Full PDB file with SEQRES, HELIX, SHEET, SSBOND, CRYST1, ORIGX, SCALE, CONECT and MASTER records, all heavy atoms in Angstrom:
SEQRES   1 A   35  ARG TYR LYS PRO MET ASP ILE MET GLY LEU PHE GLY ARG          
SEQRES   2 A   35  THR GLY GLY THR PRO PRO PRO GLN ARG HIS PRO ASN ARG          
SEQRES   3 A   35  GLN GLU TRP ARG LEU GLN GLU MET ARG                          
HELIX    1 AA1 ILE A    7  THR A   14  1                                   8    
HELIX    2 AA2 PRO A   19  GLN A   21  5                                   3    
HELIX    3 AA3 PRO A   24  MET A   34  1                                  11    
CRYST1    1.000    1.000    1.000  90.00  90.00  90.00 P 1           1          
ORIGX1      1.000000  0.000000  0.000000        0.00000                         
ORIGX2      0.000000  1.000000  0.000000        0.00000                         
ORIGX3      0.000000  0.000000  1.000000        0.00000                         
SCALE1      1.000000  0.000000  0.000000        0.00000                         
SCALE2      0.000000  1.000000  0.000000        0.00000                         
SCALE3      0.000000  0.000000  1.000000        0.00000                         
ATOM      1  N   ARG A   1     112.946 157.154 128.848  1.00  0.00           N  
ATOM      2  CA  ARG A   1     113.330 158.556 128.648  1.00  0.00           C  
ATOM      3  C   ARG A   1     113.137 158.846 127.158  1.00  0.00           C  
ATOM      4  O   ARG A   1     113.864 158.316 126.314  1.00  0.00           O  
ATOM      5  CB  ARG A   1     114.786 158.788 129.073  1.00  0.00           C  
ATOM      6  CG  ARG A   1     114.984 158.629 130.572  1.00  0.00           C  
ATOM      7  CD  ARG A   1     116.278 159.251 131.043  1.00  0.00           C  
ATOM      8  NE  ARG A   1     117.456 158.680 130.381  1.00  0.00           N  
ATOM      9  CZ  ARG A   1     118.708 159.012 130.698  1.00  0.00           C  
ATOM     10  NH1 ARG A   1     118.946 159.908 131.638  1.00  0.00           N  
ATOM     11  NH2 ARG A   1     119.723 158.452 130.077  1.00  0.00           N  
ATOM     12  N   TYR A   2     112.142 159.664 126.859  1.00  0.00           N  
ATOM     13  CA  TYR A   2     111.801 159.975 125.472  1.00  0.00           C  
ATOM     14  C   TYR A   2     112.740 161.053 124.932  1.00  0.00           C  
ATOM     15  O   TYR A   2     112.878 162.121 125.531  1.00  0.00           O  
ATOM     16  CB  TYR A   2     110.353 160.456 125.389  1.00  0.00           C  
ATOM     17  CG  TYR A   2     109.342 159.377 125.698  1.00  0.00           C  
ATOM     18  CD1 TYR A   2     108.961 159.110 127.015  1.00  0.00           C  
ATOM     19  CD2 TYR A   2     108.772 158.625 124.669  1.00  0.00           C  
ATOM     20  CE1 TYR A   2     108.031 158.105 127.292  1.00  0.00           C  
ATOM     21  CE2 TYR A   2     107.844 157.625 124.947  1.00  0.00           C  
ATOM     22  CZ  TYR A   2     107.478 157.371 126.262  1.00  0.00           C  
ATOM     23  OH  TYR A   2     106.568 156.383 126.536  1.00  0.00           O  
ATOM     24  N   LYS A   3     113.356 160.759 123.783  1.00  0.00           N  
ATOM     25  CA  LYS A   3     114.354 161.673 123.226  1.00  0.00           C  
ATOM     26  C   LYS A   3     114.075 161.955 121.753  1.00  0.00           C  
ATOM     27  O   LYS A   3     114.699 161.362 120.866  1.00  0.00           O  
ATOM     28  CB  LYS A   3     115.752 161.094 123.423  1.00  0.00           C  
ATOM     29  CG  LYS A   3     116.125 160.981 124.913  1.00  0.00           C  
ATOM     30  CD  LYS A   3     117.502 160.425 125.117  1.00  0.00           C  
ATOM     31  CE  LYS A   3     117.870 160.427 126.590  1.00  0.00           C  
ATOM     32  NZ  LYS A   3     118.192 161.759 127.110  1.00  0.00           N  
ATOM     33  N   PRO A   4     113.114 162.844 121.482  1.00  0.00           N  
ATOM     34  CA  PRO A   4     112.867 163.208 120.078  1.00  0.00           C  
ATOM     35  C   PRO A   4     114.095 163.880 119.490  1.00  0.00           C  
ATOM     36  O   PRO A   4     114.793 164.633 120.180  1.00  0.00           O  
ATOM     37  CB  PRO A   4     111.687 164.181 120.165  1.00  0.00           C  
ATOM     38  CG  PRO A   4     111.712 164.713 121.562  1.00  0.00           C  
ATOM     39  CD  PRO A   4     112.278 163.616 122.419  1.00  0.00           C  
ATOM     40  N   MET A   5     114.381 163.569 118.234  1.00  0.00           N  
ATOM     41  CA  MET A   5     115.598 164.122 117.610  1.00  0.00           C  
ATOM     42  C   MET A   5     115.325 164.462 116.158  1.00  0.00           C  
ATOM     43  O   MET A   5     114.334 164.034 115.564  1.00  0.00           O  
ATOM     44  CB  MET A   5     116.741 163.108 117.727  1.00  0.00           C  
ATOM     45  CG  MET A   5     116.396 161.798 117.074  1.00  0.00           C  
ATOM     46  SD  MET A   5     117.696 160.569 117.135  1.00  0.00           S  
ATOM     47  CE  MET A   5     116.840 159.238 116.256  1.00  0.00           C  
ATOM     48  N   ASP A   6     116.245 165.208 115.588  1.00  0.00           N  
ATOM     49  CA  ASP A   6     116.173 165.637 114.192  1.00  0.00           C  
ATOM     50  C   ASP A   6     116.708 164.503 113.322  1.00  0.00           C  
ATOM     51  O   ASP A   6     117.921 164.328 113.195  1.00  0.00           O  
ATOM     52  CB  ASP A   6     117.000 166.914 114.018  1.00  0.00           C  
ATOM     53  CG  ASP A   6     117.090 167.370 112.567  1.00  0.00           C  
ATOM     54  OD1 ASP A   6     116.484 166.727 111.686  1.00  0.00           O  
ATOM     55  OD2 ASP A   6     117.786 168.366 112.327  1.00  0.00           O  
ATOM     56  N   ILE A   7     115.811 163.716 112.727  1.00  0.00           N  
ATOM     57  CA  ILE A   7     116.222 162.523 111.978  1.00  0.00           C  
ATOM     58  C   ILE A   7     117.022 162.891 110.722  1.00  0.00           C  
ATOM     59  O   ILE A   7     117.968 162.191 110.358  1.00  0.00           O  
ATOM     60  CB  ILE A   7     115.002 161.638 111.623  1.00  0.00           C  
ATOM     61  CG1 ILE A   7     115.425 160.286 111.059  1.00  0.00           C  
ATOM     62  CG2 ILE A   7     114.055 162.341 110.672  1.00  0.00           C  
ATOM     63  CD1 ILE A   7     116.029 159.338 112.040  1.00  0.00           C  
ATOM     64  N   MET A   8     116.675 164.001 110.072  1.00  0.00           N  
ATOM     65  CA  MET A   8     117.438 164.396 108.875  1.00  0.00           C  
ATOM     66  C   MET A   8     118.860 164.813 109.268  1.00  0.00           C  
ATOM     67  O   MET A   8     119.830 164.501 108.581  1.00  0.00           O  
ATOM     68  CB  MET A   8     116.721 165.527 108.134  1.00  0.00           C  
ATOM     69  CG  MET A   8     115.342 165.146 107.596  1.00  0.00           C  
ATOM     70  SD  MET A   8     115.356 163.655 106.554  1.00  0.00           S  
ATOM     71  CE  MET A   8     113.617 163.520 106.157  1.00  0.00           C  
ATOM     72  N   GLY A   9     118.954 165.505 110.410  1.00  0.00           N  
ATOM     73  CA  GLY A   9     120.271 165.862 110.933  1.00  0.00           C  
ATOM     74  C   GLY A   9     121.080 164.617 111.286  1.00  0.00           C  
ATOM     75  O   GLY A   9     122.286 164.539 111.040  1.00  0.00           O  
ATOM     76  N   LEU A  10     120.391 163.621 111.839  1.00  0.00           N  
ATOM     77  CA  LEU A  10     121.059 162.365 112.220  1.00  0.00           C  
ATOM     78  C   LEU A  10     121.590 161.646 110.989  1.00  0.00           C  
ATOM     79  O   LEU A  10     122.724 161.170 110.987  1.00  0.00           O  
ATOM     80  CB  LEU A  10     120.079 161.462 112.974  1.00  0.00           C  
ATOM     81  CG  LEU A  10     120.667 160.142 113.472  1.00  0.00           C  
ATOM     82  CD1 LEU A  10     121.593 160.366 114.660  1.00  0.00           C  
ATOM     83  CD2 LEU A  10     119.566 159.158 113.847  1.00  0.00           C  
ATOM     84  N   PHE A  11     120.769 161.576 109.935  1.00  0.00           N  
ATOM     85  CA  PHE A  11     121.224 160.931 108.701  1.00  0.00           C  
ATOM     86  C   PHE A  11     122.500 161.599 108.191  1.00  0.00           C  
ATOM     87  O   PHE A  11     123.455 160.931 107.803  1.00  0.00           O  
ATOM     88  CB  PHE A  11     120.142 161.017 107.610  1.00  0.00           C  
ATOM     89  CG  PHE A  11     118.987 160.072 107.802  1.00  0.00           C  
ATOM     90  CD1 PHE A  11     117.731 160.406 107.305  1.00  0.00           C  
ATOM     91  CD2 PHE A  11     119.132 158.868 108.455  1.00  0.00           C  
ATOM     92  CE1 PHE A  11     116.650 159.546 107.455  1.00  0.00           C  
ATOM     93  CE2 PHE A  11     118.057 158.002 108.616  1.00  0.00           C  
ATOM     94  CZ  PHE A  11     116.810 158.340 108.114  1.00  0.00           C  
ATOM     95  N   GLY A  12     122.491 162.923 108.197  1.00  0.00           N  
ATOM     96  CA  GLY A  12     123.647 163.669 107.708  1.00  0.00           C  
ATOM     97  C   GLY A  12     124.904 163.399 108.518  1.00  0.00           C  
ATOM     98  O   GLY A  12     126.017 163.410 107.979  1.00  0.00           O  
ATOM     99  N   ARG A  13     124.723 163.161 109.810  1.00  0.00           N  
ATOM    100  CA  ARG A  13     125.871 162.953 110.704  1.00  0.00           C  
ATOM    101  C   ARG A  13     126.375 161.511 110.730  1.00  0.00           C  
ATOM    102  O   ARG A  13     127.497 161.251 111.130  1.00  0.00           O  
ATOM    103  CB  ARG A  13     125.471 163.357 112.134  1.00  0.00           C  
ATOM    104  CG  ARG A  13     125.086 164.821 112.304  1.00  0.00           C  
ATOM    105  CD  ARG A  13     126.297 165.713 112.459  1.00  0.00           C  
ATOM    106  NE  ARG A  13     127.013 165.415 113.690  1.00  0.00           N  
ATOM    107  CZ  ARG A  13     126.675 165.872 114.897  1.00  0.00           C  
ATOM    108  NH1 ARG A  13     125.628 166.682 115.020  1.00  0.00           N  
ATOM    109  NH2 ARG A  13     127.376 165.566 115.959  1.00  0.00           N  
ATOM    110  N   THR A  14     125.505 160.552 110.349  1.00  0.00           N  
ATOM    111  CA  THR A  14     125.878 159.142 110.533  1.00  0.00           C  
ATOM    112  C   THR A  14     125.879 158.336 109.228  1.00  0.00           C  
ATOM    113  O   THR A  14     125.837 157.115 109.245  1.00  0.00           O  
ATOM    114  CB  THR A  14     124.924 158.467 111.545  1.00  0.00           C  
ATOM    115  OG1 THR A  14     123.566 158.570 111.067  1.00  0.00           O  
ATOM    116  CG2 THR A  14     125.021 159.114 112.912  1.00  0.00           C  
ATOM    117  N   GLY A  15     125.911 159.039 108.105  1.00  0.00           N  
ATOM    118  CA  GLY A  15     126.053 158.343 106.824  1.00  0.00           C  
ATOM    119  C   GLY A  15     124.765 157.843 106.203  1.00  0.00           C  
ATOM    120  O   GLY A  15     124.792 157.064 105.256  1.00  0.00           O  
ATOM    121  N   GLY A  16     123.632 158.294 106.730  1.00  0.00           N  
ATOM    122  CA  GLY A  16     122.351 157.893 106.155  1.00  0.00           C  
ATOM    123  C   GLY A  16     121.925 158.841 105.048  1.00  0.00           C  
ATOM    124  O   GLY A  16     122.469 159.936 104.906  1.00  0.00           O  
ATOM    125  N   THR A  17     120.947 158.419 104.265  1.00  0.00           N  
ATOM    126  CA  THR A  17     120.415 159.248 103.183  1.00  0.00           C  
ATOM    127  C   THR A  17     118.924 159.474 103.418  1.00  0.00           C  
ATOM    128  O   THR A  17     118.200 158.506 103.613  1.00  0.00           O  
ATOM    129  CB  THR A  17     120.604 158.546 101.823  1.00  0.00           C  
ATOM    130  OG1 THR A  17     121.978 158.209 101.664  1.00  0.00           O  
ATOM    131  CG2 THR A  17     120.165 159.431 100.677  1.00  0.00           C  
ATOM    132  N   PRO A  18     118.466 160.724 103.428  1.00  0.00           N  
ATOM    133  CA  PRO A  18     117.029 160.976 103.586  1.00  0.00           C  
ATOM    134  C   PRO A  18     116.238 160.255 102.500  1.00  0.00           C  
ATOM    135  O   PRO A  18     116.693 160.174 101.351  1.00  0.00           O  
ATOM    136  CB  PRO A  18     116.920 162.498 103.438  1.00  0.00           C  
ATOM    137  CG  PRO A  18     118.276 163.015 103.804  1.00  0.00           C  
ATOM    138  CD  PRO A  18     119.243 161.964 103.327  1.00  0.00           C  
ATOM    139  N   PRO A  19     115.055 159.719 102.838  1.00  0.00           N  
ATOM    140  CA  PRO A  19     114.276 158.935 101.864  1.00  0.00           C  
ATOM    141  C   PRO A  19     114.119 159.569 100.481  1.00  0.00           C  
ATOM    142  O   PRO A  19     114.300 158.879  99.469  1.00  0.00           O  
ATOM    143  CB  PRO A  19     112.925 158.755 102.563  1.00  0.00           C  
ATOM    144  CG  PRO A  19     113.281 158.739 104.012  1.00  0.00           C  
ATOM    145  CD  PRO A  19     114.404 159.733 104.162  1.00  0.00           C  
ATOM    146  N   PRO A  20     113.795 160.890 100.383  1.00  0.00           N  
ATOM    147  CA  PRO A  20     113.601 161.449  99.039  1.00  0.00           C  
ATOM    148  C   PRO A  20     114.861 161.434  98.174  1.00  0.00           C  
ATOM    149  O   PRO A  20     114.775 161.543  96.950  1.00  0.00           O  
ATOM    150  CB  PRO A  20     113.159 162.901  99.322  1.00  0.00           C  
ATOM    151  CG  PRO A  20     112.639 162.874 100.726  1.00  0.00           C  
ATOM    152  CD  PRO A  20     113.493 161.877 101.438  1.00  0.00           C  
ATOM    153  N   GLN A  21     116.030 161.292  98.807  1.00  0.00           N  
ATOM    154  CA  GLN A  21     117.291 161.308  98.051  1.00  0.00           C  
ATOM    155  C   GLN A  21     117.830 159.905  97.776  1.00  0.00           C  
ATOM    156  O   GLN A  21     118.875 159.741  97.163  1.00  0.00           O  
ATOM    157  CB  GLN A  21     118.341 162.113  98.822  1.00  0.00           C  
ATOM    158  CG  GLN A  21     117.993 163.584  98.951  1.00  0.00           C  
ATOM    159  CD  GLN A  21     118.864 164.289  99.979  1.00  0.00           C  
ATOM    160  OE1 GLN A  21     120.005 163.911 100.193  1.00  0.00           O  
ATOM    161  NE2 GLN A  21     118.311 165.306 100.623  1.00  0.00           N  
ATOM    162  N   ARG A  22     117.120 158.880  98.228  1.00  0.00           N  
ATOM    163  CA  ARG A  22     117.592 157.515  98.023  1.00  0.00           C  
ATOM    164  C   ARG A  22     117.325 157.053  96.594  1.00  0.00           C  
ATOM    165  O   ARG A  22     116.450 157.572  95.913  1.00  0.00           O  
ATOM    166  CB  ARG A  22     116.900 156.564  99.018  1.00  0.00           C  
ATOM    167  CG  ARG A  22     117.343 156.814 100.446  1.00  0.00           C  
ATOM    168  CD  ARG A  22     116.552 155.977 101.448  1.00  0.00           C  
ATOM    169  NE  ARG A  22     116.819 156.458 102.803  1.00  0.00           N  
ATOM    170  CZ  ARG A  22     116.108 156.132 103.866  1.00  0.00           C  
ATOM    171  NH1 ARG A  22     115.078 155.321 103.747  1.00  0.00           N  
ATOM    172  NH2 ARG A  22     116.419 156.609 105.054  1.00  0.00           N  
ATOM    173  N   HIS A  23     118.066 156.054  96.166  1.00  0.00           N  
ATOM    174  CA  HIS A  23     117.870 155.459  94.852  1.00  0.00           C  
ATOM    175  C   HIS A  23     116.429 154.952  94.751  1.00  0.00           C  
ATOM    176  O   HIS A  23     115.862 154.477  95.737  1.00  0.00           O  
ATOM    177  CB  HIS A  23     118.852 154.286  94.682  1.00  0.00           C  
ATOM    178  CG  HIS A  23     118.879 153.749  93.287  1.00  0.00           C  
ATOM    179  ND1 HIS A  23     117.940 152.845  92.819  1.00  0.00           N  
ATOM    180  CD2 HIS A  23     119.733 153.985  92.261  1.00  0.00           C  
ATOM    181  CE1 HIS A  23     118.211 152.556  91.559  1.00  0.00           C  
ATOM    182  NE2 HIS A  23     119.297 153.224  91.197  1.00  0.00           N  
ATOM    183  N   PRO A  24     115.806 155.057  93.561  1.00  0.00           N  
ATOM    184  CA  PRO A  24     114.423 154.589  93.404  1.00  0.00           C  
ATOM    185  C   PRO A  24     114.192 153.155  93.891  1.00  0.00           C  
ATOM    186  O   PRO A  24     113.137 152.844  94.438  1.00  0.00           O  
ATOM    187  CB  PRO A  24     114.188 154.698  91.887  1.00  0.00           C  
ATOM    188  CG  PRO A  24     115.091 155.818  91.465  1.00  0.00           C  
ATOM    189  CD  PRO A  24     116.310 155.711  92.337  1.00  0.00           C  
ATOM    190  N   ASN A  25     115.183 152.286  93.726  1.00  0.00           N  
ATOM    191  CA  ASN A  25     115.033 150.902  94.205  1.00  0.00           C  
ATOM    192  C   ASN A  25     114.768 150.872  95.715  1.00  0.00           C  
ATOM    193  O   ASN A  25     113.923 150.125  96.201  1.00  0.00           O  
ATOM    194  CB  ASN A  25     116.305 150.083  93.926  1.00  0.00           C  
ATOM    195  CG  ASN A  25     116.540 149.866  92.446  1.00  0.00           C  
ATOM    196  OD1 ASN A  25     115.790 150.376  91.614  1.00  0.00           O  
ATOM    197  ND2 ASN A  25     117.581 149.123  92.109  1.00  0.00           N  
ATOM    198  N   ARG A  26     115.525 151.694  96.443  1.00  0.00           N  
ATOM    199  CA  ARG A  26     115.370 151.750  97.903  1.00  0.00           C  
ATOM    200  C   ARG A  26     114.036 152.412  98.283  1.00  0.00           C  
ATOM    201  O   ARG A  26     113.380 152.000  99.236  1.00  0.00           O  
ATOM    202  CB  ARG A  26     116.528 152.517  98.528  1.00  0.00           C  
ATOM    203  CG  ARG A  26     117.851 151.770  98.474  1.00  0.00           C  
ATOM    204  CD  ARG A  26     118.969 152.607  99.082  1.00  0.00           C  
ATOM    205  NE  ARG A  26     120.223 151.893  99.072  1.00  0.00           N  
ATOM    206  CZ  ARG A  26     120.673 151.128 100.080  1.00  0.00           C  
ATOM    207  NH1 ARG A  26     119.937 150.972 101.166  1.00  0.00           N  
ATOM    208  NH2 ARG A  26     121.827 150.513 100.000  1.00  0.00           N  
ATOM    209  N   GLN A  27     113.666 153.444  97.539  1.00  0.00           N  
ATOM    210  CA  GLN A  27     112.406 154.134  97.840  1.00  0.00           C  
ATOM    211  C   GLN A  27     111.214 153.201  97.634  1.00  0.00           C  
ATOM    212  O   GLN A  27     110.286 153.173  98.454  1.00  0.00           O  
ATOM    213  CB  GLN A  27     112.254 155.371  96.940  1.00  0.00           C  
ATOM    214  CG  GLN A  27     113.253 156.474  97.266  1.00  0.00           C  
ATOM    215  CD  GLN A  27     112.886 157.783  96.592  1.00  0.00           C  
ATOM    216  OE1 GLN A  27     111.718 158.154  96.568  1.00  0.00           O  
ATOM    217  NE2 GLN A  27     113.863 158.483  96.047  1.00  0.00           N  
ATOM    218  N   GLU A  28     111.245 152.423  96.545  1.00  0.00           N  
ATOM    219  CA  GLU A  28     110.137 151.507  96.267  1.00  0.00           C  
ATOM    220  C   GLU A  28     110.056 150.410  97.320  1.00  0.00           C  
ATOM    221  O   GLU A  28     108.974 150.044  97.780  1.00  0.00           O  
ATOM    222  CB  GLU A  28     110.306 150.914  94.858  1.00  0.00           C  
ATOM    223  CG  GLU A  28     110.032 151.928  93.749  1.00  0.00           C  
ATOM    224  CD  GLU A  28     110.565 151.464  92.404  1.00  0.00           C  
ATOM    225  OE1 GLU A  28     110.912 150.260  92.263  1.00  0.00           O  
ATOM    226  OE2 GLU A  28     110.648 152.310  91.487  1.00  0.00           O  
ATOM    227  N   TRP A  29     111.205 149.865  97.725  1.00  0.00           N  
ATOM    228  CA  TRP A  29     111.216 148.823  98.756  1.00  0.00           C  
ATOM    229  C   TRP A  29     110.680 149.376 100.066  1.00  0.00           C  
ATOM    230  O   TRP A  29     109.905 148.702 100.762  1.00  0.00           O  
ATOM    231  CB  TRP A  29     112.639 148.295  98.971  1.00  0.00           C  
ATOM    232  CG  TRP A  29     112.698 147.327 100.122  1.00  0.00           C  
ATOM    233  CD1 TRP A  29     112.442 145.983 100.085  1.00  0.00           C  
ATOM    234  CD2 TRP A  29     112.974 147.646 101.486  1.00  0.00           C  
ATOM    235  NE1 TRP A  29     112.548 145.451 101.349  1.00  0.00           N  
ATOM    236  CE2 TRP A  29     112.876 146.440 102.231  1.00  0.00           C  
ATOM    237  CE3 TRP A  29     113.293 148.825 102.163  1.00  0.00           C  
ATOM    238  CZ2 TRP A  29     113.090 146.391 103.606  1.00  0.00           C  
ATOM    239  CZ3 TRP A  29     113.501 148.770 103.532  1.00  0.00           C  
ATOM    240  CH2 TRP A  29     113.409 147.574 104.235  1.00  0.00           C  
ATOM    241  N   ARG A  30     111.081 150.602 100.400  1.00  0.00           N  
ATOM    242  CA  ARG A  30     110.644 151.219 101.658  1.00  0.00           C  
ATOM    243  C   ARG A  30     109.126 151.289 101.732  1.00  0.00           C  
ATOM    244  O   ARG A  30     108.519 150.961 102.754  1.00  0.00           O  
ATOM    245  CB  ARG A  30     111.260 152.620 101.779  1.00  0.00           C  
ATOM    246  CG  ARG A  30     110.784 153.440 102.973  1.00  0.00           C  
ATOM    247  CD  ARG A  30     111.517 154.782 102.976  1.00  0.00           C  
ATOM    248  NE  ARG A  30     110.990 155.689 103.990  1.00  0.00           N  
ATOM    249  CZ  ARG A  30     109.967 156.513 103.817  1.00  0.00           C  
ATOM    250  NH1 ARG A  30     109.330 156.528 102.630  1.00  0.00           N  
ATOM    251  NH2 ARG A  30     109.547 157.309 104.774  1.00  0.00           N  
ATOM    252  N   LEU A  31     108.480 151.706 100.638  1.00  0.00           N  
ATOM    253  CA  LEU A  31     107.017 151.811 100.626  1.00  0.00           C  
ATOM    254  C   LEU A  31     106.358 150.440 100.764  1.00  0.00           C  
ATOM    255  O   LEU A  31     105.373 150.285 101.474  1.00  0.00           O  
ATOM    256  CB  LEU A  31     106.549 152.501  99.344  1.00  0.00           C  
ATOM    257  CG  LEU A  31     106.939 153.979  99.201  1.00  0.00           C  
ATOM    258  CD1 LEU A  31     106.466 154.527  97.858  1.00  0.00           C  
ATOM    259  CD2 LEU A  31     106.382 154.819 100.348  1.00  0.00           C  
ATOM    260  N   GLN A  32     106.930 149.439 100.100  1.00  0.00           N  
ATOM    261  CA  GLN A  32     106.381 148.089 100.228  1.00  0.00           C  
ATOM    262  C   GLN A  32     106.534 147.581 101.666  1.00  0.00           C  
ATOM    263  O   GLN A  32     105.612 146.972 102.228  1.00  0.00           O  
ATOM    264  CB  GLN A  32     107.094 147.122  99.271  1.00  0.00           C  
ATOM    265  CG  GLN A  32     106.721 147.313  97.821  1.00  0.00           C  
ATOM    266  CD  GLN A  32     107.209 146.164  96.948  1.00  0.00           C  
ATOM    267  OE1 GLN A  32     107.846 145.223  97.424  1.00  0.00           O  
ATOM    268  NE2 GLN A  32     106.914 146.244  95.661  1.00  0.00           N  
ATOM    269  N   GLU A  33     107.707 147.818 102.237  1.00  0.00           N  
ATOM    270  CA  GLU A  33     107.976 147.358 103.604  1.00  0.00           C  
ATOM    271  C   GLU A  33     107.049 148.045 104.606  1.00  0.00           C  
ATOM    272  O   GLU A  33     106.536 147.411 105.537  1.00  0.00           O  
ATOM    273  CB  GLU A  33     109.451 147.635 103.945  1.00  0.00           C  
ATOM    274  CG  GLU A  33     109.875 147.209 105.331  1.00  0.00           C  
ATOM    275  CD  GLU A  33     109.926 145.704 105.522  1.00  0.00           C  
ATOM    276  OE1 GLU A  33     109.665 144.948 104.562  1.00  0.00           O  
ATOM    277  OE2 GLU A  33     110.204 145.277 106.657  1.00  0.00           O  
ATOM    278  N   MET A  34     106.832 149.338 104.416  1.00  0.00           N  
ATOM    279  CA  MET A  34     105.914 150.067 105.295  1.00  0.00           C  
ATOM    280  C   MET A  34     104.495 149.499 105.181  1.00  0.00           C  
ATOM    281  O   MET A  34     103.817 149.298 106.194  1.00  0.00           O  
ATOM    282  CB  MET A  34     105.924 151.563 104.942  1.00  0.00           C  
ATOM    283  CG  MET A  34     107.151 152.296 105.454  1.00  0.00           C  
ATOM    284  SD  MET A  34     107.446 153.888 104.604  1.00  0.00           S  
ATOM    285  CE  MET A  34     105.860 154.685 104.755  1.00  0.00           C  
ATOM    286  N   ARG A  35     104.059 149.239 103.954  1.00  0.00           N  
ATOM    287  CA  ARG A  35     102.708 148.694 103.744  1.00  0.00           C  
ATOM    288  C   ARG A  35     102.562 147.335 104.402  1.00  0.00           C  
ATOM    289  O   ARG A  35     101.577 147.060 105.103  1.00  0.00           O  
ATOM    290  CB  ARG A  35     102.422 148.584 102.231  1.00  0.00           C  
ATOM    291  CG  ARG A  35     101.112 147.882 101.908  1.00  0.00           C  
ATOM    292  CD  ARG A  35     100.850 147.778 100.404  1.00  0.00           C  
ATOM    293  NE  ARG A  35     101.955 147.218  99.652  1.00  0.00           N  
ATOM    294  CZ  ARG A  35     102.259 145.911  99.606  1.00  0.00           C  
ATOM    295  NH1 ARG A  35     101.556 145.028 100.305  1.00  0.00           N  
ATOM    296  NH2 ARG A  35     103.274 145.489  98.874  1.00  0.00           N  
TER     297      ARG A  35                                                      
MASTER        0    0    0    3    0    0    0    6  296    1    0    3          
END                                                                             
């Protein structure tokens, strides 16, 4: 059952931080991990 959702809304509701607002350390790690 496919359930597309608003990920930014989810972050706001569950204590997450949208990628552009994360600390640079986390942003840099995220790009490396994705690569």
